[in-house]
Structure formats: C-alpha cells, structure tokens
C-alpha cells in the first residue's frame, strides 16, 4: 500500500531535515544527499536513523531518475 499524499507532504529526513524521495517500487523513502534509504513497512515510514541503510550507486541512479518517485515536503 502506498503512502498517503498528506503524509508525504509532512515527511522529511530526521537527520538533515530536508526532503526525501518516496520510491514506491522499492518501498523506501530515500535521501539522495546522504545516500540512505528508510523502509516503509505496512504503510508506515520507519524514519529512525539507526535503521536506515546505505544505498548503492546503482540504486541511487535508478531512484533519482525514477519518473514515479515523489518528493516529500510541501511544494
């Protein structure tokens, strides 16, 4: 299940407090500046710095160029 649009408008990275990319196909919220991904479990964003994971160059390139990826935060 995808994250709600209202929720996406409120989400930000807990470390740098900037926008994230919601990559529904990978079920993650991705911070391209820090190159870390946060899991989305059962439609719940797990934005815990201790639970994020590093992202490979291949995933980074795919996710930042994914036309379906949605930026979080207010426009």
C-alpha atoms as a PDB file:
ATOM      1  CA  UNK A   1       0.000   0.000   0.000  1.00  0.00           C
ATOM      2  CA  UNK A   2       1.334   3.448  -0.940  1.00  0.00           C
ATOM      3  CA  UNK A   3       1.908   6.290   1.460  1.00  0.00           C
ATOM      4  CA  UNK A   4      -0.812   8.925   1.684  1.00  0.00           C
ATOM      5  CA  UNK A   5      -0.196  12.231  -0.125  1.00  0.00           C
ATOM      6  CA  UNK A   6      -0.943  14.231   3.019  1.00  0.00           C
ATOM      7  CA  UNK A   7       1.682  12.240   4.931  1.00  0.00           C
ATOM      8  CA  UNK A   8       4.236  12.695   2.148  1.00  0.00           C
ATOM      9  CA  UNK A   9       3.828  16.460   2.432  1.00  0.00           C
ATOM     10  CA  UNK A  10       4.882  16.276   6.087  1.00  0.00           C
ATOM     11  CA  UNK A  11       7.823  13.894   5.886  1.00  0.00           C
ATOM     12  CA  UNK A  12      11.466  14.951   5.999  1.00  0.00           C
ATOM     13  CA  UNK A  13      14.757  13.266   6.780  1.00  0.00           C
ATOM     14  CA  UNK A  14      15.229  13.088  10.571  1.00  0.00           C
ATOM     15  CA  UNK A  15      18.941  13.914  10.298  1.00  0.00           C
ATOM     16  CA  UNK A  16      19.263  16.746   7.763  1.00  0.00           C
ATOM     17  CA  UNK A  17      15.586  17.842   7.889  1.00  0.00           C
ATOM     18  CA  UNK A  18      15.323  18.059   4.103  1.00  0.00           C
ATOM     19  CA  UNK A  19      13.015  16.411   1.575  1.00  0.00           C
ATOM     20  CA  UNK A  20      13.087  12.723   0.699  1.00  0.00           C
ATOM     21  CA  UNK A  21      12.142  10.747  -2.389  1.00  0.00           C
ATOM     22  CA  UNK A  22       9.366   8.213  -1.981  1.00  0.00           C
ATOM     23  CA  UNK A  23      10.202   5.320  -4.290  1.00  0.00           C
ATOM     24  CA  UNK A  24       7.076   3.169  -4.187  1.00  0.00           C
ATOM     25  CA  UNK A  25       8.570   0.432  -6.377  1.00  0.00           C
ATOM     26  CA  UNK A  26      11.289  -0.147  -3.755  1.00  0.00           C
ATOM     27  CA  UNK A  27       9.040   0.715  -0.801  1.00  0.00           C
ATOM     28  CA  UNK A  28      11.546   3.221   0.585  1.00  0.00           C
ATOM     29  CA  UNK A  29      11.984   6.865   1.416  1.00  0.00           C
ATOM     30  CA  UNK A  30      15.349   7.871   0.006  1.00  0.00           C
ATOM     31  CA  UNK A  31      17.672  10.731   0.913  1.00  0.00           C
ATOM     32  CA  UNK A  32      19.917  11.287  -2.136  1.00  0.00           C
ATOM     33  CA  UNK A  33      22.129  13.786  -0.289  1.00  0.00           C
ATOM     34  CA  UNK A  34      23.087  11.278   2.413  1.00  0.00           C
ATOM     35  CA  UNK A  35      22.521   8.206   0.177  1.00  0.00           C
ATOM     36  CA  UNK A  36      20.453   6.387   2.771  1.00  0.00           C
ATOM     37  CA  UNK A  37      17.083   4.668   2.494  1.00  0.00           C
ATOM     38  CA  UNK A  38      14.381   4.317   5.117  1.00  0.00           C
ATOM     39  CA  UNK A  39      11.976   1.403   4.862  1.00  0.00           C
ATOM     40  CA  UNK A  40       8.237   1.746   4.555  1.00  0.00           C
ATOM     41  CA  UNK A  41       6.611  -1.134   6.440  1.00  0.00           C
ATOM     42  CA  UNK A  42       2.866  -1.710   6.219  1.00  0.00           C
ATOM     43  CA  UNK A  43       2.404   1.881   5.008  1.00  0.00           C
ATOM     44  CA  UNK A  44       4.416   3.223   7.942  1.00  0.00           C
ATOM     45  CA  UNK A  45       7.586   5.187   7.285  1.00  0.00           C
ATOM     46  CA  UNK A  46      10.363   3.969   9.584  1.00  0.00           C
ATOM     47  CA  UNK A  47      12.382   7.176   9.865  1.00  0.00           C
ATOM     48  CA  UNK A  48      14.828   6.019  12.509  1.00  0.00           C
ATOM     49  CA  UNK A  49      18.458   6.980  11.821  1.00  0.00           C
ATOM     50  CA  UNK A  50      19.650   3.695  13.341  1.00  0.00           C
ATOM     51  CA  UNK A  51      17.513   1.694  10.898  1.00  0.00           C
ATOM     52  CA  UNK A  52      18.393   3.425   7.630  1.00  0.00           C
ATOM     53  CA  UNK A  53      20.641   1.644   5.159  1.00  0.00           C
ATOM     54  CA  UNK A  54      23.320   2.780   2.757  1.00  0.00           C
ATOM     55  CA  UNK A  55      22.371   2.757  -0.917  1.00  0.00           C
ATOM     56  CA  UNK A  56      24.487   1.506  -3.813  1.00  0.00           C
ATOM     57  CA  UNK A  57      25.392   3.707  -6.776  1.00  0.00           C
ATOM     58  CA  UNK A  58      23.120   1.597  -8.992  1.00  0.00           C
ATOM     59  CA  UNK A  59      20.083   2.107  -6.726  1.00  0.00           C
ATOM     60  CA  UNK A  60      20.902   5.797  -6.293  1.00  0.00           C
ATOM     61  CA  UNK A  61      20.960   6.360 -10.057  1.00  0.00           C
ATOM     62  CA  UNK A  62      17.766   4.367 -10.578  1.00  0.00           C
ATOM     63  CA  UNK A  63      15.854   6.096  -7.795  1.00  0.00           C
ATOM     64  CA  UNK A  64      16.804   9.699  -8.565  1.00  0.00           C
ATOM     65  CA  UNK A  65      15.854   9.106 -12.208  1.00  0.00           C
ATOM     66  CA  UNK A  66      12.635   7.212 -11.446  1.00  0.00           C
ATOM     67  CA  UNK A  67       9.772   9.193 -13.002  1.00  0.00           C
ATOM     68  CA  UNK A  68       7.370   7.644 -10.460  1.00  0.00           C
ATOM     69  CA  UNK A  69       9.388   8.837  -7.419  1.00  0.00           C
ATOM     70  CA  UNK A  70       7.622  11.509  -5.359  1.00  0.00           C
ATOM     71  CA  UNK A  71       9.373  14.260  -3.415  1.00  0.00           C
ATOM     72  CA  UNK A  72       8.229  14.747   0.136  1.00  0.00           C
ATOM     73  CA  UNK A  73       7.633  18.093   1.757  1.00  0.00           C
ATOM     74  CA  UNK A  74       5.462  20.971   0.751  1.00  0.00           C
ATOM     75  CA  UNK A  75       5.793  22.279  -2.819  1.00  0.00           C
END
